[in-house]
Amino acid sequence: MSNSGVVELVAQALRTAEFSRTAIAAIRSELGGESADVDIAYAVQEVNTQHALSEGRRLVGRKIGLTSKVVQTQLGVDQPDFGMLFADMAYGDGEAIPAGLL
């Protein structure tokens, strides 16, 4: 299967898991295993970002994770990760987050 086919397949699997609130197996093997290029992972993210925007979700910011070298080492990565923050994901300081969304 081509990289674009894999990207679409993985992106759909992640959307389905999010919608159904069910866990799925790690997707690393579908993206190329240990040798997976970070660019293919960000391609999956871009597909799902565009899908969310097409459904009317509003992008309000960006987020960064894995900024600690210790955590990066624990998770076997060598750089922070970056993501999108949509309006329905943003909560104010001290604001309650419904447990069903966790």
N, C-alpha and C. Protein backbone atom coordinates (compact mmCIF):
# COMPACT_ATOMS: atom_id res chain seq x y z
N MET A 1 0.85 -1.18 0.00
CA MET A 1 0.00 0.00 0.00
C MET A 1 0.89 1.24 0.00
N SER A 2 0.49 2.27 -0.72
CA SER A 2 1.27 3.50 -0.80
C SER A 2 1.24 4.25 0.53
N ASN A 3 2.20 5.15 0.71
CA ASN A 3 2.21 5.96 1.93
C ASN A 3 0.92 6.73 2.10
N SER A 4 0.39 7.30 1.00
CA SER A 4 -0.85 8.07 1.12
C SER A 4 -2.01 7.16 1.53
N GLY A 5 -2.01 5.92 1.05
CA GLY A 5 -3.05 4.98 1.45
C GLY A 5 -2.95 4.62 2.92
N VAL A 6 -1.72 4.43 3.39
CA VAL A 6 -1.49 4.13 4.81
C VAL A 6 -1.91 5.31 5.67
N VAL A 7 -1.55 6.51 5.24
CA VAL A 7 -1.91 7.72 5.99
C VAL A 7 -3.42 7.82 6.13
N GLU A 8 -4.14 7.63 5.04
CA GLU A 8 -5.61 7.71 5.07
C GLU A 8 -6.20 6.63 5.96
N LEU A 9 -5.68 5.41 5.86
CA LEU A 9 -6.18 4.29 6.65
C LEU A 9 -5.98 4.54 8.15
N VAL A 10 -4.79 4.98 8.52
CA VAL A 10 -4.49 5.24 9.93
C VAL A 10 -5.30 6.44 10.44
N ALA A 11 -5.42 7.47 9.62
CA ALA A 11 -6.20 8.65 10.02
C ALA A 11 -7.65 8.25 10.29
N GLN A 12 -8.22 7.42 9.43
CA GLN A 12 -9.60 6.97 9.62
C GLN A 12 -9.72 6.13 10.89
N ALA A 13 -8.76 5.26 11.13
CA ALA A 13 -8.80 4.42 12.34
C ALA A 13 -8.77 5.29 13.59
N LEU A 14 -7.95 6.33 13.59
CA LEU A 14 -7.88 7.23 14.75
C LEU A 14 -9.17 8.01 14.94
N ARG A 15 -9.78 8.45 13.84
CA ARG A 15 -11.07 9.17 13.96
C ARG A 15 -12.15 8.24 14.50
N THR A 16 -12.17 7.01 14.02
CA THR A 16 -13.16 6.04 14.49
C THR A 16 -12.98 5.77 15.98
N ALA A 17 -11.74 5.60 16.41
CA ALA A 17 -11.46 5.36 17.83
C ALA A 17 -11.88 6.56 18.67
N GLU A 18 -11.60 7.76 18.18
CA GLU A 18 -12.00 8.96 18.93
C GLU A 18 -13.52 9.05 19.03
N PHE A 19 -14.20 8.84 17.91
CA PHE A 19 -15.66 8.94 17.89
C PHE A 19 -16.31 7.89 18.80
N SER A 20 -15.80 6.67 18.76
CA SER A 20 -16.40 5.58 19.55
C SER A 20 -15.84 5.52 20.97
N ARG A 21 -14.82 6.33 21.24
CA ARG A 21 -14.16 6.35 22.55
C ARG A 21 -13.65 4.96 22.93
N THR A 22 -13.02 4.32 21.96
CA THR A 22 -12.44 3.00 22.20
C THR A 22 -10.95 3.03 21.88
N ALA A 23 -10.20 2.26 22.63
CA ALA A 23 -8.76 2.17 22.40
C ALA A 23 -8.48 1.31 21.17
N ILE A 24 -7.41 1.63 20.49
CA ILE A 24 -6.96 0.80 19.38
C ILE A 24 -5.50 0.43 19.63
N ALA A 25 -5.05 -0.57 18.91
CA ALA A 25 -3.65 -0.99 19.02
C ALA A 25 -2.74 0.14 18.54
N ALA A 26 -1.52 0.13 19.01
CA ALA A 26 -0.55 1.14 18.58
C ALA A 26 -0.45 1.14 17.05
N ILE A 27 -0.33 2.32 16.49
CA ILE A 27 -0.31 2.45 15.03
C ILE A 27 1.10 2.50 14.45
N ARG A 28 2.10 2.43 15.31
CA ARG A 28 3.49 2.56 14.84
C ARG A 28 3.81 1.55 13.74
N SER A 29 3.36 0.31 13.90
CA SER A 29 3.70 -0.70 12.89
C SER A 29 3.09 -0.38 11.53
N GLU A 30 1.87 0.18 11.52
CA GLU A 30 1.24 0.56 10.26
C GLU A 30 2.00 1.70 9.57
N LEU A 31 2.69 2.51 10.37
CA LEU A 31 3.42 3.66 9.82
C LEU A 31 4.87 3.34 9.48
N GLY A 32 5.28 2.10 9.68
CA GLY A 32 6.64 1.71 9.33
C GLY A 32 7.46 1.17 10.47
N GLY A 33 6.83 0.92 11.61
CA GLY A 33 7.54 0.35 12.75
C GLY A 33 8.54 1.30 13.36
N GLU A 34 9.60 0.74 13.91
CA GLU A 34 10.63 1.53 14.59
C GLU A 34 11.29 2.54 13.66
N SER A 35 11.30 2.25 12.37
CA SER A 35 11.94 3.16 11.42
C SER A 35 10.97 4.21 10.88
N ALA A 36 9.77 4.25 11.42
CA ALA A 36 8.76 5.20 10.92
C ALA A 36 9.29 6.62 10.98
N ASP A 37 9.10 7.33 9.91
CA ASP A 37 9.52 8.73 9.81
C ASP A 37 8.47 9.60 10.48
N VAL A 38 8.91 10.58 11.23
CA VAL A 38 7.98 11.47 11.92
C VAL A 38 7.09 12.20 10.92
N ASP A 39 7.57 12.40 9.70
CA ASP A 39 6.78 13.11 8.69
C ASP A 39 5.49 12.36 8.35
N ILE A 40 5.53 11.03 8.35
CA ILE A 40 4.31 10.28 8.04
C ILE A 40 3.29 10.43 9.17
N ALA A 41 3.78 10.50 10.41
CA ALA A 41 2.87 10.72 11.54
C ALA A 41 2.21 12.09 11.44
N TYR A 42 2.99 13.10 11.08
CA TYR A 42 2.41 14.43 10.92
C TYR A 42 1.49 14.51 9.71
N ALA A 43 1.72 13.66 8.71
CA ALA A 43 0.79 13.59 7.57
C ALA A 43 -0.57 13.06 8.03
N VAL A 44 -0.56 12.07 8.92
CA VAL A 44 -1.82 11.56 9.51
C VAL A 44 -2.51 12.69 10.26
N GLN A 45 -1.74 13.41 11.06
CA GLN A 45 -2.31 14.53 11.81
C GLN A 45 -2.93 15.56 10.87
N GLU A 46 -2.27 15.87 9.77
CA GLU A 46 -2.78 16.87 8.82
C GLU A 46 -4.09 16.40 8.19
N VAL A 47 -4.17 15.12 7.83
CA VAL A 47 -5.42 14.58 7.28
C VAL A 47 -6.55 14.77 8.28
N ASN A 48 -6.29 14.44 9.54
CA ASN A 48 -7.35 14.57 10.55
C ASN A 48 -7.65 16.02 10.90
N THR A 49 -6.66 16.89 10.82
CA THR A 49 -6.91 18.32 11.03
C THR A 49 -7.83 18.84 9.93
N GLN A 50 -7.53 18.52 8.69
CA GLN A 50 -8.38 18.97 7.58
C GLN A 50 -9.78 18.39 7.68
N HIS A 51 -9.88 17.14 8.11
CA HIS A 51 -11.19 16.51 8.29
C HIS A 51 -11.99 17.26 9.35
N ALA A 52 -11.36 17.58 10.46
CA ALA A 52 -12.03 18.31 11.54
C ALA A 52 -12.49 19.68 11.07
N LEU A 53 -11.63 20.38 10.35
CA LEU A 53 -12.00 21.70 9.84
C LEU A 53 -13.17 21.60 8.86
N SER A 54 -13.18 20.56 8.04
CA SER A 54 -14.27 20.39 7.08
C SER A 54 -15.60 20.09 7.77
N GLU A 55 -15.52 19.59 9.01
CA GLU A 55 -16.74 19.33 9.79
C GLU A 55 -17.14 20.53 10.63
N GLY A 56 -16.43 21.64 10.47
CA GLY A 56 -16.80 22.87 11.16
C GLY A 56 -16.11 23.13 12.47
N ARG A 57 -15.19 22.27 12.87
CA ARG A 57 -14.44 22.54 14.10
C ARG A 57 -13.53 23.74 13.86
N ARG A 58 -13.31 24.51 14.91
CA ARG A 58 -12.53 25.74 14.80
C ARG A 58 -11.17 25.57 15.47
N LEU A 59 -10.12 25.83 14.72
CA LEU A 59 -8.76 25.77 15.24
C LEU A 59 -8.47 27.04 16.02
N VAL A 60 -8.08 26.87 17.30
CA VAL A 60 -7.84 28.04 18.15
C VAL A 60 -6.39 28.15 18.62
N GLY A 61 -5.59 27.15 18.34
CA GLY A 61 -4.20 27.21 18.77
C GLY A 61 -3.47 25.93 18.46
N ARG A 62 -2.28 25.86 18.98
CA ARG A 62 -1.43 24.68 18.79
C ARG A 62 -0.92 24.24 20.16
N LYS A 63 -0.53 23.00 20.24
CA LYS A 63 -0.02 22.48 21.52
C LYS A 63 1.30 21.76 21.28
N ILE A 64 2.07 21.66 22.33
CA ILE A 64 3.36 20.99 22.26
C ILE A 64 3.47 20.04 23.44
N GLY A 65 4.03 18.89 23.19
CA GLY A 65 4.19 17.90 24.25
C GLY A 65 5.58 17.29 24.22
N LEU A 66 5.86 16.51 25.21
CA LEU A 66 7.14 15.80 25.32
C LEU A 66 8.32 16.78 25.28
N THR A 67 8.18 17.87 26.01
CA THR A 67 9.25 18.87 26.03
C THR A 67 10.40 18.49 26.94
N SER A 68 10.19 17.58 27.86
CA SER A 68 11.23 17.15 28.80
C SER A 68 12.07 16.04 28.16
N LYS A 69 13.39 16.19 28.20
CA LYS A 69 14.28 15.16 27.68
C LYS A 69 14.09 13.83 28.42
N VAL A 70 13.78 13.89 29.71
CA VAL A 70 13.56 12.68 30.50
C VAL A 70 12.35 11.92 29.94
N VAL A 71 11.26 12.62 29.69
CA VAL A 71 10.05 11.98 29.16
C VAL A 71 10.30 11.48 27.74
N GLN A 72 11.02 12.24 26.94
CA GLN A 72 11.35 11.78 25.59
C GLN A 72 12.10 10.45 25.65
N THR A 73 13.06 10.36 26.55
CA THR A 73 13.84 9.13 26.71
C THR A 73 12.94 7.98 27.14
N GLN A 74 12.04 8.23 28.09
CA GLN A 74 11.12 7.19 28.56
C GLN A 74 10.26 6.65 27.43
N LEU A 75 9.88 7.52 26.51
CA LEU A 75 8.97 7.13 25.43
C LEU A 75 9.70 6.78 24.13
N GLY A 76 11.02 6.86 24.15
CA GLY A 76 11.79 6.46 22.98
C GLY A 76 11.72 7.42 21.82
N VAL A 77 11.59 8.70 22.11
CA VAL A 77 11.58 9.72 21.05
C VAL A 77 12.71 10.71 21.32
N ASP A 78 13.03 11.51 20.31
CA ASP A 78 14.15 12.43 20.47
C ASP A 78 13.79 13.89 20.20
N GLN A 79 12.49 14.17 20.21
CA GLN A 79 12.05 15.55 19.98
C GLN A 79 10.64 15.74 20.54
N PRO A 80 10.26 16.98 20.80
CA PRO A 80 8.88 17.24 21.24
C PRO A 80 7.90 16.89 20.12
N ASP A 81 6.63 16.79 20.47
CA ASP A 81 5.61 16.62 19.43
C ASP A 81 4.69 17.84 19.44
N PHE A 82 4.02 18.03 18.34
CA PHE A 82 3.19 19.21 18.14
C PHE A 82 1.81 18.79 17.68
N GLY A 83 0.79 19.53 18.08
CA GLY A 83 -0.57 19.20 17.68
C GLY A 83 -1.43 20.44 17.58
N MET A 84 -2.67 20.21 17.20
CA MET A 84 -3.64 21.28 17.01
C MET A 84 -4.58 21.34 18.21
N LEU A 85 -5.02 22.53 18.52
CA LEU A 85 -5.97 22.74 19.60
C LEU A 85 -7.23 23.34 19.00
N PHE A 86 -8.31 22.57 19.06
CA PHE A 86 -9.60 23.03 18.56
C PHE A 86 -10.42 23.63 19.69
N ALA A 87 -11.37 24.48 19.34
CA ALA A 87 -12.17 25.19 20.34
C ALA A 87 -12.84 24.24 21.32
N ASP A 88 -13.29 23.08 20.84
CA ASP A 88 -13.98 22.14 21.72
C ASP A 88 -13.03 21.38 22.64
N MET A 89 -11.74 21.64 22.53
CA MET A 89 -10.73 21.01 23.38
C MET A 89 -10.19 21.97 24.43
N ALA A 90 -10.53 23.24 24.32
CA ALA A 90 -9.95 24.27 25.18
C ALA A 90 -10.83 24.53 26.39
N TYR A 91 -10.22 24.54 27.55
CA TYR A 91 -10.92 24.82 28.81
C TYR A 91 -10.15 25.88 29.57
N GLY A 92 -10.88 26.72 30.29
CA GLY A 92 -10.26 27.77 31.08
C GLY A 92 -9.62 27.22 32.34
N ASP A 93 -8.75 28.02 32.91
CA ASP A 93 -8.07 27.66 34.14
C ASP A 93 -9.10 27.39 35.24
N GLY A 94 -9.07 26.20 35.83
CA GLY A 94 -9.99 25.84 36.89
C GLY A 94 -11.35 25.36 36.40
N GLU A 95 -11.58 25.41 35.12
CA GLU A 95 -12.87 24.97 34.56
C GLU A 95 -12.97 23.44 34.61
N ALA A 96 -14.15 22.95 34.97
CA ALA A 96 -14.36 21.50 35.05
C ALA A 96 -14.41 20.90 33.64
N ILE A 97 -13.75 19.76 33.49
CA ILE A 97 -13.78 19.02 32.24
C ILE A 97 -14.64 17.79 32.47
N PRO A 98 -15.70 17.62 31.68
CA PRO A 98 -16.57 16.46 31.87
C PRO A 98 -15.78 15.14 31.79
N ALA A 99 -16.01 14.26 32.74
CA ALA A 99 -15.27 12.99 32.80
C ALA A 99 -15.44 12.18 31.52
N GLY A 100 -16.58 12.28 30.87
CA GLY A 100 -16.82 11.53 29.64
C GLY A 100 -15.93 11.95 28.49
N LEU A 101 -15.29 13.10 28.61
CA LEU A 101 -14.39 13.58 27.56
C LEU A 101 -12.95 13.17 27.78
N LEU A 102 -12.67 12.56 28.93
CA LEU A 102 -11.29 12.18 29.23
C LEU A 102 -10.93 10.86 28.59
